[in-house]
Amino acid sequence: MSTLPVVSGRDVINALGKIGYVLDRQRGSHVILRQQDPAHRRLTVPDHKEISKGTLRAIIRQAGLTVEEFKNLL
């Protein structure tokens, strides 16, 4: 298992933006991203200074990425 980087919510949002996720809406500190291409997945990313490892791993999995692919997007 690959080690996860320590990233902020904004870092995650910017990385996912590179693969076609755009801002759908925001409620409080949670940003909802929507995939532009078909499948139109939605992901919720907490806009915190540091994302916990379990939350980050879940976001990566829901985006259909591996940890290594996500690291390359950063």
N, C-alpha and C. Protein backbone atom coordinates (compact mmCIF):
# COMPACT_ATOMS: atom_id res chain seq x y z
N MET A 1 0.84 -1.18 0.00
CA MET A 1 0.00 0.00 0.00
C MET A 1 0.88 1.24 0.00
N SER A 2 0.54 2.16 -0.83
CA SER A 2 1.32 3.38 -0.98
C SER A 2 1.01 4.37 0.14
N THR A 3 2.00 5.13 0.54
CA THR A 3 1.75 6.11 1.59
C THR A 3 1.04 7.32 1.01
N LEU A 4 0.16 7.88 1.78
CA LEU A 4 -0.62 9.04 1.35
C LEU A 4 0.11 10.33 1.69
N PRO A 5 0.06 11.31 0.82
CA PRO A 5 0.66 12.60 1.13
C PRO A 5 -0.25 13.38 2.08
N VAL A 6 0.31 14.33 2.79
CA VAL A 6 -0.48 15.22 3.64
C VAL A 6 -0.86 16.41 2.77
N VAL A 7 -2.17 16.56 2.53
CA VAL A 7 -2.64 17.61 1.61
C VAL A 7 -3.81 18.36 2.24
N SER A 8 -4.04 19.56 1.73
CA SER A 8 -5.19 20.35 2.17
C SER A 8 -6.36 20.08 1.22
N GLY A 9 -7.50 20.57 1.59
CA GLY A 9 -8.68 20.44 0.74
C GLY A 9 -8.49 21.13 -0.60
N ARG A 10 -7.86 22.29 -0.59
CA ARG A 10 -7.62 23.03 -1.85
C ARG A 10 -6.68 22.26 -2.77
N ASP A 11 -5.70 21.57 -2.18
CA ASP A 11 -4.79 20.75 -3.00
C ASP A 11 -5.55 19.63 -3.70
N VAL A 12 -6.46 19.00 -2.97
CA VAL A 12 -7.27 17.92 -3.53
C VAL A 12 -8.17 18.46 -4.64
N ILE A 13 -8.80 19.60 -4.41
CA ILE A 13 -9.69 20.20 -5.40
C ILE A 13 -8.92 20.54 -6.68
N ASN A 14 -7.72 21.11 -6.53
CA ASN A 14 -6.91 21.45 -7.70
C ASN A 14 -6.46 20.20 -8.46
N ALA A 15 -6.09 19.15 -7.74
CA ALA A 15 -5.65 17.91 -8.38
C ALA A 15 -6.81 17.27 -9.15
N LEU A 16 -7.99 17.23 -8.55
CA LEU A 16 -9.14 16.63 -9.22
C LEU A 16 -9.61 17.48 -10.40
N GLY A 17 -9.35 18.78 -10.34
CA GLY A 17 -9.68 19.66 -11.45
C GLY A 17 -8.90 19.31 -12.71
N LYS A 18 -7.72 18.74 -12.54
CA LYS A 18 -6.90 18.36 -13.68
C LYS A 18 -7.48 17.17 -14.46
N ILE A 19 -8.36 16.40 -13.82
CA ILE A 19 -8.94 15.25 -14.51
C ILE A 19 -10.43 15.46 -14.81
N GLY A 20 -10.87 16.72 -14.76
CA GLY A 20 -12.22 17.01 -15.24
C GLY A 20 -13.27 17.27 -14.18
N TYR A 21 -12.90 17.42 -12.93
CA TYR A 21 -13.88 17.75 -11.89
C TYR A 21 -13.97 19.27 -11.76
N VAL A 22 -15.19 19.77 -11.68
CA VAL A 22 -15.43 21.21 -11.53
C VAL A 22 -16.31 21.44 -10.31
N LEU A 23 -16.25 22.67 -9.81
CA LEU A 23 -17.06 23.04 -8.65
C LEU A 23 -18.53 22.99 -9.02
N ASP A 24 -19.29 22.22 -8.26
CA ASP A 24 -20.74 22.15 -8.45
C ASP A 24 -21.41 23.12 -7.48
N ARG A 25 -21.05 22.99 -6.20
CA ARG A 25 -21.59 23.88 -5.18
C ARG A 25 -20.76 23.72 -3.91
N GLN A 26 -21.06 24.56 -2.94
CA GLN A 26 -20.36 24.50 -1.66
C GLN A 26 -21.35 24.79 -0.55
N ARG A 27 -21.27 24.03 0.51
CA ARG A 27 -22.09 24.27 1.68
C ARG A 27 -21.18 24.23 2.89
N GLY A 28 -20.98 25.38 3.48
CA GLY A 28 -20.06 25.46 4.62
C GLY A 28 -18.64 25.18 4.17
N SER A 29 -17.99 24.24 4.84
CA SER A 29 -16.60 23.93 4.49
C SER A 29 -16.50 22.72 3.57
N HIS A 30 -17.62 22.24 3.03
CA HIS A 30 -17.60 21.09 2.15
C HIS A 30 -17.88 21.52 0.71
N VAL A 31 -16.96 21.17 -0.17
CA VAL A 31 -17.06 21.52 -1.58
C VAL A 31 -17.51 20.27 -2.34
N ILE A 32 -18.54 20.42 -3.16
CA ILE A 32 -19.04 19.31 -3.97
C ILE A 32 -18.54 19.52 -5.38
N LEU A 33 -17.77 18.55 -5.86
CA LEU A 33 -17.22 18.60 -7.21
C LEU A 33 -18.02 17.66 -8.10
N ARG A 34 -18.15 18.03 -9.37
CA ARG A 34 -18.89 17.22 -10.33
C ARG A 34 -18.00 16.94 -11.51
N GLN A 35 -18.04 15.70 -11.99
CA GLN A 35 -17.24 15.32 -13.14
C GLN A 35 -17.94 15.79 -14.41
N GLN A 36 -17.21 16.43 -15.32
CA GLN A 36 -17.80 16.95 -16.54
C GLN A 36 -18.12 15.84 -17.54
N ASP A 37 -17.28 14.82 -17.61
CA ASP A 37 -17.48 13.75 -18.57
C ASP A 37 -18.55 12.78 -18.07
N PRO A 38 -19.17 12.02 -18.98
CA PRO A 38 -20.19 11.06 -18.55
C PRO A 38 -19.69 10.15 -17.45
N ALA A 39 -20.62 9.78 -16.70
CA ALA A 39 -20.60 9.16 -15.38
C ALA A 39 -21.00 10.25 -14.39
N HIS A 40 -20.58 11.49 -14.64
CA HIS A 40 -20.95 12.65 -13.84
C HIS A 40 -20.91 12.36 -12.34
N ARG A 41 -19.80 11.77 -11.91
CA ARG A 41 -19.63 11.48 -10.48
C ARG A 41 -19.58 12.77 -9.69
N ARG A 42 -20.03 12.68 -8.46
CA ARG A 42 -19.93 13.81 -7.53
C ARG A 42 -19.08 13.38 -6.35
N LEU A 43 -18.20 14.27 -5.95
CA LEU A 43 -17.33 14.03 -4.80
C LEU A 43 -17.46 15.18 -3.82
N THR A 44 -17.46 14.86 -2.55
CA THR A 44 -17.47 15.88 -1.51
C THR A 44 -16.08 15.95 -0.90
N VAL A 45 -15.51 17.16 -0.94
CA VAL A 45 -14.17 17.37 -0.41
C VAL A 45 -14.26 18.40 0.71
N PRO A 46 -13.83 18.04 1.93
CA PRO A 46 -13.81 19.04 3.00
C PRO A 46 -12.70 20.05 2.75
N ASP A 47 -13.02 21.31 2.86
CA ASP A 47 -12.04 22.38 2.62
C ASP A 47 -11.33 22.69 3.93
N HIS A 48 -10.50 21.74 4.37
CA HIS A 48 -9.77 21.88 5.62
C HIS A 48 -8.29 22.05 5.33
N LYS A 49 -7.54 22.49 6.33
CA LYS A 49 -6.09 22.68 6.16
C LYS A 49 -5.39 21.35 5.92
N GLU A 50 -5.91 20.29 6.53
CA GLU A 50 -5.32 18.96 6.36
C GLU A 50 -6.45 17.94 6.29
N ILE A 51 -6.44 17.13 5.25
CA ILE A 51 -7.45 16.09 5.07
C ILE A 51 -6.96 14.83 5.78
N SER A 52 -7.83 14.20 6.56
CA SER A 52 -7.42 12.98 7.26
C SER A 52 -7.17 11.87 6.24
N LYS A 53 -6.34 10.93 6.62
CA LYS A 53 -5.91 9.88 5.70
C LYS A 53 -7.07 9.02 5.22
N GLY A 54 -7.98 8.67 6.10
CA GLY A 54 -9.12 7.85 5.71
C GLY A 54 -10.04 8.57 4.73
N THR A 55 -10.27 9.85 4.97
CA THR A 55 -11.09 10.65 4.07
C THR A 55 -10.42 10.80 2.72
N LEU A 56 -9.12 11.06 2.72
CA LEU A 56 -8.38 11.20 1.47
C LEU A 56 -8.42 9.91 0.67
N ARG A 57 -8.22 8.78 1.33
CA ARG A 57 -8.25 7.49 0.64
C ARG A 57 -9.63 7.23 0.03
N ALA A 58 -10.69 7.61 0.74
CA ALA A 58 -12.05 7.43 0.22
C ALA A 58 -12.29 8.31 -1.00
N ILE A 59 -11.82 9.54 -0.95
CA ILE A 59 -11.98 10.46 -2.09
C ILE A 59 -11.24 9.92 -3.32
N ILE A 60 -10.03 9.43 -3.11
CA ILE A 60 -9.24 8.88 -4.22
C ILE A 60 -9.96 7.67 -4.82
N ARG A 61 -10.47 6.80 -3.98
CA ARG A 61 -11.18 5.61 -4.45
C ARG A 61 -12.45 5.98 -5.21
N GLN A 62 -13.22 6.95 -4.70
CA GLN A 62 -14.45 7.37 -5.36
C GLN A 62 -14.17 8.04 -6.71
N ALA A 63 -13.01 8.67 -6.84
CA ALA A 63 -12.64 9.30 -8.11
C ALA A 63 -12.16 8.28 -9.13
N GLY A 64 -11.95 7.05 -8.69
CA GLY A 64 -11.49 6.00 -9.60
C GLY A 64 -10.00 6.05 -9.87
N LEU A 65 -9.25 6.57 -8.91
CA LEU A 65 -7.80 6.70 -9.05
C LEU A 65 -7.08 5.77 -8.10
N THR A 66 -5.80 5.55 -8.39
CA THR A 66 -4.94 4.89 -7.43
C THR A 66 -4.19 5.99 -6.68
N VAL A 67 -3.53 5.62 -5.60
CA VAL A 67 -2.77 6.59 -4.82
C VAL A 67 -1.65 7.18 -5.67
N GLU A 68 -1.00 6.34 -6.46
CA GLU A 68 0.10 6.82 -7.30
C GLU A 68 -0.42 7.81 -8.36
N GLU A 69 -1.56 7.53 -8.98
CA GLU A 69 -2.14 8.44 -9.97
C GLU A 69 -2.47 9.78 -9.31
N PHE A 70 -3.00 9.70 -8.09
CA PHE A 70 -3.35 10.94 -7.38
C PHE A 70 -2.09 11.75 -7.07
N LYS A 71 -1.04 11.09 -6.62
CA LYS A 71 0.22 11.79 -6.31
C LYS A 71 0.77 12.49 -7.55
N ASN A 72 0.62 11.86 -8.71
CA ASN A 72 1.12 12.48 -9.95
C ASN A 72 0.32 13.73 -10.31
N LEU A 73 -0.92 13.83 -9.86
CA LEU A 73 -1.74 15.01 -10.15
C LEU A 73 -1.37 16.20 -9.28
N LEU A 74 -0.74 15.93 -8.13
CA LEU A 74 -0.40 17.03 -7.20
C LEU A 74 0.68 17.91 -7.71
